[in-house]
């Protein structure tokens, strides 16, 4: 049979994803930002919208520490109006 013990077609070359693969933070340079985000998710019942500001902070940390390619935040789902939207939402709470 084809595929071996773990399945898969041996004849096709795998294509890496465009996003989602980046160096691990072996030196724990962004641990604080990661923990803040994960704690926020836990306390908000895993509603990621409530923690977007921390997600952004974590991505900025990774970019600053060369753990991922530097990109405009709008390419990562944070529109140009994002900062204005979050500051007004935070004031309402």
Protein backbone atom coordinates (compact mmCIF):
# COMPACT_ATOMS: atom_id res chain seq x y z
CA UNK A 1 0.00 0.00 0.00
CA UNK A 2 1.07 3.63 -0.40
CA UNK A 3 1.88 6.19 2.26
CA UNK A 4 3.74 4.21 4.89
CA UNK A 5 2.90 4.00 8.58
CA UNK A 6 1.90 7.65 8.92
CA UNK A 7 0.12 8.05 5.58
CA UNK A 8 0.73 10.81 3.09
CA UNK A 9 1.77 10.79 -0.53
CA UNK A 10 5.53 10.36 -0.82
CA UNK A 11 5.59 11.70 -4.39
CA UNK A 12 4.39 15.23 -3.64
CA UNK A 13 6.62 17.89 -2.14
CA UNK A 14 5.11 19.72 0.83
CA UNK A 15 4.50 23.43 0.41
CA UNK A 16 5.23 25.52 3.52
CA UNK A 17 2.50 27.95 4.63
CA UNK A 18 3.00 31.64 3.95
CA UNK A 19 2.37 32.61 7.56
CA UNK A 20 2.41 30.77 10.85
CA UNK A 21 5.95 29.43 10.77
CA UNK A 22 8.54 31.49 12.60
CA UNK A 23 11.42 30.87 15.00
CA UNK A 24 10.52 29.75 18.50
CA UNK A 25 11.30 32.18 21.30
CA UNK A 26 14.05 30.02 22.85
CA UNK A 27 15.44 32.98 24.81
CA UNK A 28 11.98 33.86 26.19
CA UNK A 29 12.26 37.43 24.92
CA UNK A 30 8.50 37.89 24.63
CA UNK A 31 7.32 35.71 27.52
CA UNK A 32 5.70 38.60 29.39
CA UNK A 33 3.61 39.60 26.37
CA UNK A 34 2.69 35.96 25.68
CA UNK A 35 1.61 35.40 29.31
CA UNK A 36 -0.43 38.61 29.36
CA UNK A 37 -2.27 37.51 26.23
CA UNK A 38 -2.90 33.95 27.48
CA UNK A 39 -4.10 35.23 30.87
CA UNK A 40 -6.45 37.63 29.10
CA UNK A 41 -7.86 34.77 27.02
CA UNK A 42 -8.48 32.69 30.14
CA UNK A 43 -10.17 35.52 32.04
CA UNK A 44 -12.34 36.54 29.07
CA UNK A 45 -13.63 33.04 28.39
CA UNK A 46 -11.33 32.73 25.36
CA UNK A 47 -12.91 35.66 23.53
CA UNK A 48 -9.94 36.80 21.48
CA UNK A 49 -11.56 40.13 20.54
CA UNK A 50 -11.20 41.25 24.17
CA UNK A 51 -7.45 40.58 24.01
CA UNK A 52 -6.55 42.00 20.59
CA UNK A 53 -4.49 44.81 22.13
CA UNK A 54 -2.29 42.19 23.82
CA UNK A 55 -2.07 40.14 20.64
CA UNK A 56 -0.77 43.23 18.87
CA UNK A 57 1.71 43.90 21.68
CA UNK A 58 3.01 40.32 21.39
CA UNK A 59 3.45 40.57 17.61
CA UNK A 60 5.26 43.90 17.96
CA UNK A 61 7.61 42.31 20.51
CA UNK A 62 8.35 39.42 18.12
CA UNK A 63 9.10 41.84 15.29
CA UNK A 64 11.37 43.99 17.47
CA UNK A 65 13.32 40.90 18.62
CA UNK A 66 13.63 39.56 15.02
CA UNK A 67 11.49 36.54 15.82
CA UNK A 68 9.30 37.26 12.80
CA UNK A 69 9.45 39.44 9.70
CA UNK A 70 8.60 43.08 10.25
CA UNK A 71 5.22 43.82 8.69
CA UNK A 72 2.69 46.58 8.71
CA UNK A 73 0.13 45.77 11.40
CA UNK A 74 -2.68 46.17 8.84
CA UNK A 75 -1.29 43.08 7.09
CA UNK A 76 -1.74 41.17 10.35
CA UNK A 77 -5.39 42.09 10.83
CA UNK A 78 -4.95 45.37 12.70
CA UNK A 79 -6.42 48.10 10.50
CA UNK A 80 -5.24 51.69 10.44
CA UNK A 81 -8.13 52.70 12.72
CA UNK A 82 -7.36 49.92 15.21
CA UNK A 83 -5.52 52.11 17.75
CA UNK A 84 -8.31 54.69 17.78
CA UNK A 85 -10.94 51.95 18.13
CA UNK A 86 -9.21 50.27 21.09
CA UNK A 87 -8.54 53.46 22.99
CA UNK A 88 -12.21 54.47 22.77
CA UNK A 89 -13.34 50.96 23.76
CA UNK A 90 -11.00 50.93 26.76
CA UNK A 91 -12.39 54.29 27.93
CA UNK A 92 -15.95 52.94 27.82
CA UNK A 93 -15.16 49.97 30.08
